[in-house]
Amino acid sequence: ASEMLYPLMPLYLATVLMSGPRVLGLIEGIAEATASLLKLFSGVIVD
């Protein structure tokens, strides 16, 4: 499901949302940084 959409995201940003590489970097960076912080929290809870 995820990779069905992943390769389409740059195309969707460029052709539908009219955004470029800087916006792409901001979106992906914030999204992945958020996941990383919660990975530490969930790991401690598991222990």
ModelCIF file with pLDDT and N, C-alpha, C, O atoms, coordinates in Angstrom:
data_MODEL
#
_entry.id   MODEL 
#
_entity.id                         1 
_entity.type                       polymer 
_entity.pdbx_number_of_molecules   1 
#
_entity_poly.entity_id                      1 
_entity_poly.type                           'polypeptide(L)' 
_entity_poly.nstd_linkage                   no 
_entity_poly.nstd_monomer                   no 
_entity_poly.pdbx_seq_one_letter_code       ASEMLYPLMPLYLATVLMSGPRVLGLIEGIAEATASLLKLFSGVIVD 
_entity_poly.pdbx_seq_one_letter_code_can   ASEMLYPLMPLYLATVLMSGPRVLGLIEGIAEATASLLKLFSGVIVD 
_entity_poly.pdbx_strand_id                 A 
#
loop_
_entity_poly_seq.entity_id 
_entity_poly_seq.num 
_entity_poly_seq.mon_id 
_entity_poly_seq.hetero 
1 1  ALA n 
1 2  SER n 
1 3  GLU n 
1 4  MET n 
1 5  LEU n 
1 6  TYR n 
1 7  PRO n 
1 8  LEU n 
1 9  MET n 
1 10 PRO n 
1 11 LEU n 
1 12 TYR n 
1 13 LEU n 
1 14 ALA n 
1 15 THR n 
1 16 VAL n 
1 17 LEU n 
1 18 MET n 
1 19 SER n 
1 20 GLY n 
1 21 PRO n 
1 22 ARG n 
1 23 VAL n 
1 24 LEU n 
1 25 GLY n 
1 26 LEU n 
1 27 ILE n 
1 28 GLU n 
1 29 GLY n 
1 30 ILE n 
1 31 ALA n 
1 32 GLU n 
1 33 ALA n 
1 34 THR n 
1 35 ALA n 
1 36 SER n 
1 37 LEU n 
1 38 LEU n 
1 39 LYS n 
1 40 LEU n 
1 41 PHE n 
1 42 SER n 
1 43 GLY n 
1 44 VAL n 
1 45 ILE n 
1 46 VAL n 
1 47 ASP n 
#
_struct_asym.id          A 
_struct_asym.entity_id   1 
#
loop_
_ma_qa_metric.id 
_ma_qa_metric.mode 
_ma_qa_metric.name 
_ma_qa_metric.software_group_id 
_ma_qa_metric.type 
1 global pLDDT . pLDDT 
2 local  pLDDT . pLDDT 
#
_ma_qa_metric_global.metric_id      1 
_ma_qa_metric_global.metric_value   69.83 
_ma_qa_metric_global.model_id       1 
_ma_qa_metric_global.ordinal_id     1 
#
loop_
_ma_qa_metric_local.label_asym_id 
_ma_qa_metric_local.label_comp_id 
_ma_qa_metric_local.label_seq_id 
_ma_qa_metric_local.metric_id 
_ma_qa_metric_local.metric_value 
_ma_qa_metric_local.model_id 
_ma_qa_metric_local.ordinal_id 
A ALA 1  2 80.00 1 1  
A SER 2  2 77.00 1 2  
A GLU 3  2 73.00 1 3  
A MET 4  2 75.00 1 4  
A LEU 5  2 72.00 1 5  
A TYR 6  2 64.00 1 6  
A PRO 7  2 62.00 1 7  
A LEU 8  2 66.00 1 8  
A MET 9  2 65.00 1 9  
A PRO 10 2 63.00 1 10 
A LEU 11 2 63.00 1 11 
A TYR 12 2 64.00 1 12 
A LEU 13 2 62.00 1 13 
A ALA 14 2 60.00 1 14 
A THR 15 2 59.00 1 15 
A VAL 16 2 57.00 1 16 
A LEU 17 2 60.00 1 17 
A MET 18 2 58.00 1 18 
A SER 19 2 61.00 1 19 
A GLY 20 2 58.00 1 20 
A PRO 21 2 61.00 1 21 
A ARG 22 2 64.00 1 22 
A VAL 23 2 69.00 1 23 
A LEU 24 2 65.00 1 24 
A GLY 25 2 63.00 1 25 
A LEU 26 2 68.00 1 26 
A ILE 27 2 69.00 1 27 
A GLU 28 2 65.00 1 28 
A GLY 29 2 66.00 1 29 
A ILE 30 2 72.00 1 30 
A ALA 31 2 71.00 1 31 
A GLU 32 2 68.00 1 32 
A ALA 33 2 69.00 1 33 
A THR 34 2 73.00 1 34 
A ALA 35 2 74.00 1 35 
A SER 36 2 72.00 1 36 
A LEU 37 2 76.00 1 37 
A LEU 38 2 82.00 1 38 
A LYS 39 2 82.00 1 39 
A LEU 40 2 81.00 1 40 
A PHE 41 2 81.00 1 41 
A SER 42 2 83.00 1 42 
A GLY 43 2 82.00 1 43 
A VAL 44 2 83.00 1 44 
A ILE 45 2 83.00 1 45 
A VAL 46 2 82.00 1 46 
A ASP 47 2 79.00 1 47 
#
loop_
_atom_site.group_PDB 
_atom_site.id 
_atom_site.type_symbol 
_atom_site.label_atom_id 
_atom_site.label_alt_id 
_atom_site.label_comp_id 
_atom_site.label_asym_id 
_atom_site.label_entity_id 
_atom_site.label_seq_id 
_atom_site.pdbx_PDB_ins_code 
_atom_site.Cartn_x 
_atom_site.Cartn_y 
_atom_site.Cartn_z 
_atom_site.occupancy 
_atom_site.B_iso_or_equiv 
_atom_site.pdbx_formal_charge 
_atom_site.auth_seq_id 
_atom_site.auth_comp_id 
_atom_site.auth_asym_id 
_atom_site.auth_atom_id 
_atom_site.pdbx_PDB_model_num 
ATOM 1   N N  . ALA A 1 1  ? 0.827  -1.212 0.000   1.00 80.00 ? 1  ALA A N  1 
ATOM 2   C CA . ALA A 1 1  ? 0.000  0.000  0.000   1.00 80.00 ? 1  ALA A CA 1 
ATOM 3   C C  . ALA A 1 1  ? 0.857  1.256  0.000   1.00 80.00 ? 1  ALA A C  1 
ATOM 4   O O  . ALA A 1 1  ? 0.604  2.197  -0.753  1.00 80.00 ? 1  ALA A O  1 
ATOM 5   N N  . SER A 1 2  ? 1.881  1.259  0.860   1.00 77.00 ? 2  SER A N  1 
ATOM 6   C CA . SER A 1 2  ? 2.713  2.448  0.996   1.00 77.00 ? 2  SER A CA 1 
ATOM 7   C C  . SER A 1 2  ? 3.502  2.746  -0.276  1.00 77.00 ? 2  SER A C  1 
ATOM 8   O O  . SER A 1 2  ? 3.541  3.886  -0.740  1.00 77.00 ? 2  SER A O  1 
ATOM 9   N N  . GLU A 1 3  ? 4.139  1.698  -0.842  1.00 73.00 ? 3  GLU A N  1 
ATOM 10  C CA . GLU A 1 3  ? 4.986  1.900  -2.011  1.00 73.00 ? 3  GLU A CA 1 
ATOM 11  C C  . GLU A 1 3  ? 4.187  2.036  -3.305  1.00 73.00 ? 3  GLU A C  1 
ATOM 12  O O  . GLU A 1 3  ? 4.742  2.416  -4.335  1.00 73.00 ? 3  GLU A O  1 
ATOM 13  N N  . MET A 1 4  ? 2.902  1.733  -3.264  1.00 75.00 ? 4  MET A N  1 
ATOM 14  C CA . MET A 1 4  ? 2.047  2.048  -4.399  1.00 75.00 ? 4  MET A CA 1 
ATOM 15  C C  . MET A 1 4  ? 1.907  3.560  -4.558  1.00 75.00 ? 4  MET A C  1 
ATOM 16  O O  . MET A 1 4  ? 1.723  4.075  -5.661  1.00 75.00 ? 4  MET A O  1 
ATOM 17  N N  . LEU A 1 5  ? 2.000  4.255  -3.421  1.00 72.00 ? 5  LEU A N  1 
ATOM 18  C CA . LEU A 1 5  ? 1.839  5.712  -3.422  1.00 72.00 ? 5  LEU A CA 1 
ATOM 19  C C  . LEU A 1 5  ? 3.170  6.454  -3.429  1.00 72.00 ? 5  LEU A C  1 
ATOM 20  O O  . LEU A 1 5  ? 3.275  7.547  -3.986  1.00 72.00 ? 5  LEU A O  1 
ATOM 21  N N  . TYR A 1 6  ? 4.197  5.853  -2.802  1.00 64.00 ? 6  TYR A N  1 
ATOM 22  C CA . TYR A 1 6  ? 5.476  6.546  -2.593  1.00 64.00 ? 6  TYR A CA 1 
ATOM 23  C C  . TYR A 1 6  ? 6.085  7.103  -3.880  1.00 64.00 ? 6  TYR A C  1 
ATOM 24  O O  . TYR A 1 6  ? 6.473  8.271  -3.897  1.00 64.00 ? 6  TYR A O  1 
ATOM 25  N N  . PRO A 1 7  ? 6.188  6.314  -4.968  1.00 62.00 ? 7  PRO A N  1 
ATOM 26  C CA . PRO A 1 7  ? 6.791  6.870  -6.182  1.00 62.00 ? 7  PRO A CA 1 
ATOM 27  C C  . PRO A 1 7  ? 5.943  7.949  -6.847  1.00 62.00 ? 7  PRO A C  1 
ATOM 28  O O  . PRO A 1 7  ? 6.430  8.688  -7.704  1.00 62.00 ? 7  PRO A O  1 
ATOM 29  N N  . LEU A 1 8  ? 4.660  8.040  -6.447  1.00 66.00 ? 8  LEU A N  1 
ATOM 30  C CA . LEU A 1 8  ? 3.773  9.018  -7.071  1.00 66.00 ? 8  LEU A CA 1 
ATOM 31  C C  . LEU A 1 8  ? 3.811  10.369 -6.358  1.00 66.00 ? 8  LEU A C  1 
ATOM 32  O O  . LEU A 1 8  ? 3.322  11.365 -6.891  1.00 66.00 ? 8  LEU A O  1 
ATOM 33  N N  . MET A 1 9  ? 4.389  10.409 -5.153  1.00 65.00 ? 9  MET A N  1 
ATOM 34  C CA . MET A 1 9  ? 4.353  11.636 -4.363  1.00 65.00 ? 9  MET A CA 1 
ATOM 35  C C  . MET A 1 9  ? 5.075  12.809 -5.040  1.00 65.00 ? 9  MET A C  1 
ATOM 36  O O  . MET A 1 9  ? 4.514  13.904 -5.092  1.00 65.00 ? 9  MET A O  1 
ATOM 37  N N  . PRO A 1 10 ? 6.305  12.622 -5.563  1.00 63.00 ? 10 PRO A N  1 
ATOM 38  C CA . PRO A 1 10 ? 6.928  13.761 -6.257  1.00 63.00 ? 10 PRO A CA 1 
ATOM 39  C C  . PRO A 1 10 ? 6.109  14.231 -7.449  1.00 63.00 ? 10 PRO A C  1 
ATOM 40  O O  . PRO A 1 10 ? 6.005  15.432 -7.697  1.00 63.00 ? 10 PRO A O  1 
ATOM 41  N N  . LEU A 1 11 ? 5.523  13.285 -8.193  1.00 63.00 ? 11 LEU A N  1 
ATOM 42  C CA . LEU A 1 11 ? 4.681  13.636 -9.335  1.00 63.00 ? 11 LEU A CA 1 
ATOM 43  C C  . LEU A 1 11 ? 3.438  14.392 -8.879  1.00 63.00 ? 11 LEU A C  1 
ATOM 44  O O  . LEU A 1 11 ? 3.033  15.369 -9.508  1.00 63.00 ? 11 LEU A O  1 
ATOM 45  N N  . TYR A 1 12 ? 2.831  13.932 -7.775  1.00 64.00 ? 12 TYR A N  1 
ATOM 46  C CA . TYR A 1 12 ? 1.626  14.578 -7.241  1.00 64.00 ? 12 TYR A CA 1 
ATOM 47  C C  . TYR A 1 12 ? 1.949  15.986 -6.754  1.00 64.00 ? 12 TYR A C  1 
ATOM 48  O O  . TYR A 1 12 ? 1.181  16.920 -6.986  1.00 64.00 ? 12 TYR A O  1 
ATOM 49  N N  . LEU A 1 13 ? 3.081  16.136 -6.083  1.00 62.00 ? 13 LEU A N  1 
ATOM 50  C CA . LEU A 1 13 ? 3.486  17.462 -5.615  1.00 62.00 ? 13 LEU A CA 1 
ATOM 51  C C  . LEU A 1 13 ? 3.711  18.423 -6.772  1.00 62.00 ? 13 LEU A C  1 
ATOM 52  O O  . LEU A 1 13 ? 3.297  19.582 -6.719  1.00 62.00 ? 13 LEU A O  1 
ATOM 53  N N  . ALA A 1 14 ? 4.371  17.933 -7.818  1.00 60.00 ? 14 ALA A N  1 
ATOM 54  C CA . ALA A 1 14 ? 4.744  18.806 -8.936  1.00 60.00 ? 14 ALA A CA 1 
ATOM 55  C C  . ALA A 1 14 ? 3.561  19.146 -9.834  1.00 60.00 ? 14 ALA A C  1 
ATOM 56  O O  . ALA A 1 14 ? 3.428  20.293 -10.262 1.00 60.00 ? 14 ALA A O  1 
ATOM 57  N N  . THR A 1 15 ? 2.692  18.168 -10.129 1.00 59.00 ? 15 THR A N  1 
ATOM 58  C CA . THR A 1 15 ? 1.641  18.374 -11.129 1.00 59.00 ? 15 THR A CA 1 
ATOM 59  C C  . THR A 1 15 ? 0.305  18.806 -10.545 1.00 59.00 ? 15 THR A C  1 
ATOM 60  O O  . THR A 1 15 ? -0.480 19.480 -11.212 1.00 59.00 ? 15 THR A O  1 
ATOM 61  N N  . VAL A 1 16 ? 0.044  18.416 -9.288  1.00 57.00 ? 16 VAL A N  1 
ATOM 62  C CA . VAL A 1 16 ? -1.244 18.749 -8.677  1.00 57.00 ? 16 VAL A CA 1 
ATOM 63  C C  . VAL A 1 16 ? -1.108 19.858 -7.644  1.00 57.00 ? 16 VAL A C  1 
ATOM 64  O O  . VAL A 1 16 ? -1.896 20.803 -7.637  1.00 57.00 ? 16 VAL A O  1 
ATOM 65  N N  . LEU A 1 17 ? -0.105 19.744 -6.768  1.00 60.00 ? 17 LEU A N  1 
ATOM 66  C CA . LEU A 1 17 ? 0.062  20.721 -5.691  1.00 60.00 ? 17 LEU A CA 1 
ATOM 67  C C  . LEU A 1 17 ? 1.050  21.831 -6.044  1.00 60.00 ? 17 LEU A C  1 
ATOM 68  O O  . LEU A 1 17 ? 1.208  22.779 -5.274  1.00 60.00 ? 17 LEU A O  1 
ATOM 69  N N  . MET A 1 18 ? 1.714  21.732 -7.186  1.00 58.00 ? 18 MET A N  1 
ATOM 70  C CA . MET A 1 18 ? 2.610  22.772 -7.707  1.00 58.00 ? 18 MET A CA 1 
ATOM 71  C C  . MET A 1 18 ? 3.706  23.145 -6.704  1.00 58.00 ? 18 MET A C  1 
ATOM 72  O O  . MET A 1 18 ? 3.920  24.323 -6.416  1.00 58.00 ? 18 MET A O  1 
ATOM 73  N N  . SER A 1 19 ? 4.395  22.129 -6.177  1.00 61.00 ? 19 SER A N  1 
ATOM 74  C CA . SER A 1 19 ? 5.472  22.363 -5.214  1.00 61.00 ? 19 SER A CA 1 
ATOM 75  C C  . SER A 1 19 ? 6.736  21.660 -5.694  1.00 61.00 ? 19 SER A C  1 
ATOM 76  O O  . SER A 1 19 ? 6.678  20.749 -6.520  1.00 61.00 ? 19 SER A O  1 
ATOM 77  N N  . GLY A 1 20 ? 7.904  22.105 -5.153  1.00 58.00 ? 20 GLY A N  1 
ATOM 78  C CA . GLY A 1 20 ? 9.184  21.615 -5.648  1.00 58.00 ? 20 GLY A CA 1 
ATOM 79  C C  . GLY A 1 20 ? 9.996  20.860 -4.616  1.00 58.00 ? 20 GLY A C  1 
ATOM 80  O O  . GLY A 1 20 ? 9.456  20.427 -3.598  1.00 58.00 ? 20 GLY A O  1 
ATOM 81  N N  . PRO A 1 21 ? 11.298 20.694 -4.869  1.00 61.00 ? 21 PRO A N  1 
ATOM 82  C CA . PRO A 1 21 ? 12.171 19.893 -4.009  1.00 61.00 ? 21 PRO A CA 1 
ATOM 83  C C  . PRO A 1 21 ? 12.265 20.369 -2.564  1.00 61.00 ? 21 PRO A C  1 
ATOM 84  O O  . PRO A 1 21 ? 12.371 19.551 -1.651  1.00 61.00 ? 21 PRO A O  1 
ATOM 85  N N  . ARG A 1 22 ? 12.226 21.691 -2.345  1.00 64.00 ? 22 ARG A N  1 
ATOM 86  C CA . ARG A 1 22 ? 12.336 22.189 -0.970  1.00 64.00 ? 22 ARG A CA 1 
ATOM 87  C C  . ARG A 1 22 ? 11.136 21.774 -0.131  1.00 64.00 ? 22 ARG A C  1 
ATOM 88  O O  . ARG A 1 22 ? 11.293 21.378 1.024   1.00 64.00 ? 22 ARG A O  1 
ATOM 89  N N  . VAL A 1 23 ? 9.946  21.862 -0.700  1.00 69.00 ? 23 VAL A N  1 
ATOM 90  C CA . VAL A 1 23 ? 8.739  21.425 0.008   1.00 69.00 ? 23 VAL A CA 1 
ATOM 91  C C  . VAL A 1 23 ? 8.790  19.923 0.240   1.00 69.00 ? 23 VAL A C  1 
ATOM 92  O O  . VAL A 1 23 ? 8.421  19.443 1.312   1.00 69.00 ? 23 VAL A O  1 
ATOM 93  N N  . LEU A 1 24 ? 9.248  19.182 -0.762  1.00 65.00 ? 24 LEU A N  1 
ATOM 94  C CA . LEU A 1 24 ? 9.377  17.734 -0.627  1.00 65.00 ? 24 LEU A CA 1 
ATOM 95  C C  . LEU A 1 24 ? 10.304 17.378 0.528   1.00 65.00 ? 24 LEU A C  1 
ATOM 96  O O  . LEU A 1 24 ? 9.991  16.499 1.331   1.00 65.00 ? 24 LEU A O  1 
ATOM 97  N N  . GLY A 1 25 ? 11.441 18.056 0.613   1.00 63.00 ? 25 GLY A N  1 
ATOM 98  C CA . GLY A 1 25 ? 12.377 17.807 1.703   1.00 63.00 ? 25 GLY A CA 1 
ATOM 99  C C  . GLY A 1 25 ? 11.787 18.148 3.067   1.00 63.00 ? 25 GLY A C  1 
ATOM 100 O O  . GLY A 1 25 ? 12.019 17.435 4.043   1.00 63.00 ? 25 GLY A O  1 
ATOM 101 N N  . LEU A 1 26 ? 11.014 19.250 3.134   1.00 68.00 ? 26 LEU A N  1 
ATOM 102 C CA . LEU A 1 26 ? 10.387 19.647 4.395   1.00 68.00 ? 26 LEU A CA 1 
ATOM 103 C C  . LEU A 1 26 ? 9.356  18.619 4.850   1.00 68.00 ? 26 LEU A C  1 
ATOM 104 O O  . LEU A 1 26 ? 9.340  18.223 6.015   1.00 68.00 ? 26 LEU A O  1 
ATOM 105 N N  . ILE A 1 27 ? 8.495  18.188 3.926   1.00 69.00 ? 27 ILE A N  1 
ATOM 106 C CA . ILE A 1 27 ? 7.440  17.223 4.270   1.00 69.00 ? 27 ILE A CA 1 
ATOM 107 C C  . ILE A 1 27 ? 8.038  15.917 4.754   1.00 69.00 ? 27 ILE A C  1 
ATOM 108 O O  . ILE A 1 27 ? 7.661  15.413 5.812   1.00 69.00 ? 27 ILE A O  1 
ATOM 109 N N  . GLU A 1 28 ? 8.974  15.363 3.984   1.00 65.00 ? 28 GLU A N  1 
ATOM 110 C CA . GLU A 1 28 ? 9.546  14.076 4.341   1.00 65.00 ? 28 GLU A CA 1 
ATOM 111 C C  . GLU A 1 28 ? 10.393 14.161 5.611   1.00 65.00 ? 28 GLU A C  1 
ATOM 112 O O  . GLU A 1 28 ? 10.400 13.236 6.424   1.00 65.00 ? 28 GLU A O  1 
ATOM 113 N N  . GLY A 1 29 ? 11.099 15.264 5.774   1.00 66.00 ? 29 GLY A N  1 
ATOM 114 C CA . GLY A 1 29 ? 11.929 15.423 6.967   1.00 66.00 ? 29 GLY A CA 1 
ATOM 115 C C  . GLY A 1 29 ? 11.103 15.491 8.240   1.00 66.00 ? 29 GLY A C  1 
ATOM 116 O O  . GLY A 1 29 ? 11.414 14.812 9.218   1.00 66.00 ? 29 GLY A O  1 
ATOM 117 N N  . ILE A 1 30 ? 10.046 16.311 8.238   1.00 72.00 ? 30 ILE A N  1 
ATOM 118 C CA . ILE A 1 30 ? 9.180  16.437 9.415   1.00 72.00 ? 30 ILE A CA 1 
ATOM 119 C C  . ILE A 1 30 ? 8.477  15.115 9.703   1.00 72.00 ? 30 ILE A C  1 
ATOM 120 O O  . ILE A 1 30 ? 8.389  14.694 10.856  1.00 72.00 ? 30 ILE A O  1 
ATOM 121 N N  . ALA A 1 31 ? 7.977  14.463 8.659   1.00 71.00 ? 31 ALA A N  1 
ATOM 122 C CA . ALA A 1 31 ? 7.255  13.200 8.847   1.00 71.00 ? 31 ALA A CA 1 
ATOM 123 C C  . ALA A 1 31 ? 8.155  12.140 9.477   1.00 71.00 ? 31 ALA A C  1 
ATOM 124 O O  . ALA A 1 31 ? 7.751  11.476 10.432  1.00 71.00 ? 31 ALA A O  1 
ATOM 125 N N  . GLU A 1 32 ? 9.359  11.978 8.959   1.00 68.00 ? 32 GLU A N  1 
ATOM 126 C CA . GLU A 1 32 ? 10.251 10.941 9.465   1.00 68.00 ? 32 GLU A CA 1 
ATOM 127 C C  . GLU A 1 32 ? 10.807 11.288 10.840  1.00 68.00 ? 32 GLU A C  1 
ATOM 128 O O  . GLU A 1 32 ? 11.021 10.397 11.661  1.00 68.00 ? 32 GLU A O  1 
ATOM 129 N N  . ALA A 1 33 ? 11.046 12.575 11.102  1.00 69.00 ? 33 ALA A N  1 
ATOM 130 C CA . ALA A 1 33 ? 11.533 12.977 12.424  1.00 69.00 ? 33 ALA A CA 1 
ATOM 131 C C  . ALA A 1 33 ? 10.481 12.698 13.491  1.00 69.00 ? 33 ALA A C  1 
ATOM 132 O O  . ALA A 1 33 ? 10.818 12.286 14.602  1.00 69.00 ? 33 ALA A O  1 
ATOM 133 N N  . THR A 1 34 ? 9.215  12.918 13.165  1.00 73.00 ? 34 THR A N  1 
ATOM 134 C CA . THR A 1 34 ? 8.127  12.625 14.092  1.00 73.00 ? 34 THR A CA 1 
ATOM 135 C C  . THR A 1 34 ? 8.084  11.140 14.429  1.00 73.00 ? 34 THR A C  1 
ATOM 136 O O  . THR A 1 34 ? 7.968  10.759 15.594  1.00 73.00 ? 34 THR A O  1 
ATOM 137 N N  . ALA A 1 35 ? 8.179  10.314 13.405  1.00 74.00 ? 35 ALA A N  1 
ATOM 138 C CA . ALA A 1 35 ? 8.170  8.871  13.627  1.00 74.00 ? 35 ALA A CA 1 
ATOM 139 C C  . ALA A 1 35 ? 9.327  8.453  14.522  1.00 74.00 ? 35 ALA A C  1 
ATOM 140 O O  . ALA A 1 35 ? 9.169  7.581  15.376  1.00 74.00 ? 35 ALA A O  1 
ATOM 141 N N  . SER A 1 36 ? 10.478 9.064  14.335  1.00 72.00 ? 36 SER A N  1 
ATOM 142 C CA . SER A 1 36 ? 11.661 8.674  15.090  1.00 72.00 ? 36 SER A CA 1 
ATOM 143 C C  . SER A 1 36 ? 11.506 8.964  16.578  1.00 72.00 ? 36 SER A C  1 
ATOM 144 O O  . SER A 1 36 ? 11.904 8.147  17.408  1.00 72.00 ? 36 SER A O  1 
ATOM 145 N N  . LEU A 1 37 ? 10.941 10.102 16.926  1.00 76.00 ? 37 LEU A N  1 
ATOM 146 C CA . LEU A 1 37 ? 10.744 10.437 18.332  1.00 76.00 ? 37 LEU A CA 1 
ATOM 147 C C  . LEU A 1 37 ? 9.805  9.442  19.009  1.00 76.00 ? 37 LEU A C  1 
ATOM 148 O O  . LEU A 1 37 ? 10.042 9.032  20.145  1.00 76.00 ? 37 LEU A O  1 
ATOM 149 N N  . LEU A 1 38 ? 8.750  9.060  18.314  1.00 82.00 ? 38 LEU A N  1 
ATOM 150 C CA . LEU A 1 38 ? 7.800  8.112  18.881  1.00 82.00 ? 38 LEU A CA 1 
ATOM 151 C C  . LEU A 1 38 ? 8.381  6.700  18.962  1.00 82.00 ? 38 LEU A C  1 
ATOM 152 O O  . LEU A 1 38 ? 7.963  5.910  19.808  1.00 82.00 ? 38 LEU A O  1 
ATOM 153 N N  . LYS A 1 39 ? 9.341  6.374  18.091  1.00 82.00 ? 39 LYS A N  1 
ATOM 154 C CA . LYS A 1 39 ? 9.986  5.058  18.165  1.00 82.00 ? 39 LYS A CA 1 
ATOM 155 C C  . LYS A 1 39 ? 10.746 4.899  19.472  1.00 82.00 ? 39 LYS A C  1 
ATOM 156 O O  . LYS A 1 39 ? 10.779 3.803  20.031  1.00 82.00 ? 39 LYS A O  1 
ATOM 157 N N  . LEU A 1 40 ? 11.357 5.967  19.971  1.00 81.00 ? 40 LEU A N  1 
ATOM 158 C CA . LEU A 1 40 ? 12.036 5.895  21.261  1.00 81.00 ? 40 LEU A CA 1 
ATOM 159 C C  . LEU A 1 40 ? 11.018 5.695  22.380  1.00 81.00 ? 40 LEU A C  1 
ATOM 160 O O  . LEU A 1 40 ? 11.220 4.855  23.257  1.00 81.00 ? 40 LEU A O  1 
ATOM 161 N N  . PHE A 1 41 ? 9.933  6.454  22.356  1.00 81.00 ? 41 PHE A N  1 
ATOM 162 C CA . PHE A 1 41 ? 8.894  6.345  23.375  1.00 81.00 ? 41 PHE A CA 1 
ATOM 163 C C  . PHE A 1 41 ? 8.317  4.929  23.422  1.00 81.00 ? 41 PHE A C  1 
ATOM 164 O O  . PHE A 1 41 ? 8.215  4.327  24.491  1.00 81.00 ? 41 PHE A O  1 
ATOM 165 N N  . SER A 1 42 ? 7.940  4.403  22.250  1.00 83.00 ? 42 SER A N  1 
ATOM 166 C CA . SER A 1 42 ? 7.321  3.070  22.222  1.00 83.00 ? 42 SER A CA 1 
ATOM 167 C C  . SER A 1 42 ? 8.316  1.992  22.624  1.00 83.00 ? 42 SER A C  1 
ATOM 168 O O  . SER A 1 42 ? 7.928  0.996  23.235  1.00 83.00 ? 42 SER A O  1 
ATOM 169 N N  . GLY A 1 43 ? 9.603  2.171  22.292  1.00 82.00 ? 43 GLY A N  1 
ATOM 170 C CA . GLY A 1 43 ? 10.607 1.198  22.693  1.00 82.00 ? 43 GLY A CA 1 
ATOM 171 C C  . GLY A 1 43 ? 10.788 1.135  24.200  1.00 82.00 ? 43 GLY A C  1 
ATOM 172 O O  . GLY A 1 43 ? 10.919 0.051  24.768  1.00 82.00 ? 43 GLY A O  1 
ATOM 173 N N  . VAL A 1 44 ? 10.795 2.292  24.850  1.00 83.00 ? 44 VAL A N  1 
ATOM 174 C CA . VAL A 1 44 ? 10.924 2.324  26.313  1.00 83.00 ? 44 VAL A CA 1 
ATOM 175 C C  . VAL A 1 44 ? 9.698  1.689  26.965  1.00 83.00 ? 44 VAL A C  1 
ATOM 176 O O  . VAL A 1 44 ? 9.829  0.950  27.941  1.00 83.00 ? 44 VAL A O  1 
ATOM 177 N N  . ILE A 1 45 ? 8.516  1.970  26.435  1.00 83.00 ? 45 ILE A N  1 
ATOM 178 C CA . ILE A 1 45 ? 7.287  1.401  26.979  1.00 83.00 ? 45 ILE A CA 1 
ATOM 179 C C  . ILE A 1 45 ? 7.303  -0.127 26.876  1.00 83.00 ? 45 ILE A C  1 
ATOM 180 O O  . ILE A 1 45 ? 6.850  -0.813 27.792  1.00 83.00 ? 45 ILE A O  1 
ATOM 181 N N  . VAL A 1 46 ? 7.818  -0.657 25.776  1.00 82.00 ? 46 VAL A N  1 
ATOM 182 C CA . VAL A 1 46 ? 7.893  -2.107 25.610  1.00 82.00 ? 46 VAL A CA 1 
ATOM 183 C C  . VAL A 1 46 ? 8.787  -2.732 26.679  1.00 82.00 ? 46 VAL A C  1 
ATOM 184 O O  . VAL A 1 46 ? 8.448  -3.774 27.239  1.00 82.00 ? 46 VAL A O  1 
ATOM 185 N N  . ASP A 1 47 ? 9.933  -2.098 26.965  1.00 79.00 ? 47 ASP A N  1 
ATOM 186 C CA . ASP A 1 47 ? 10.812 -2.617 28.008  1.00 79.00 ? 47 ASP A CA 1 
ATOM 187 C C  . ASP A 1 47 ? 10.135 -2.585 29.374  1.00 79.00 ? 47 ASP A C  1 
ATOM 188 O O  . ASP A 1 47 ? 10.736 -2.988 30.370  1.00 79.00 ? 47 ASP A O  1 
#
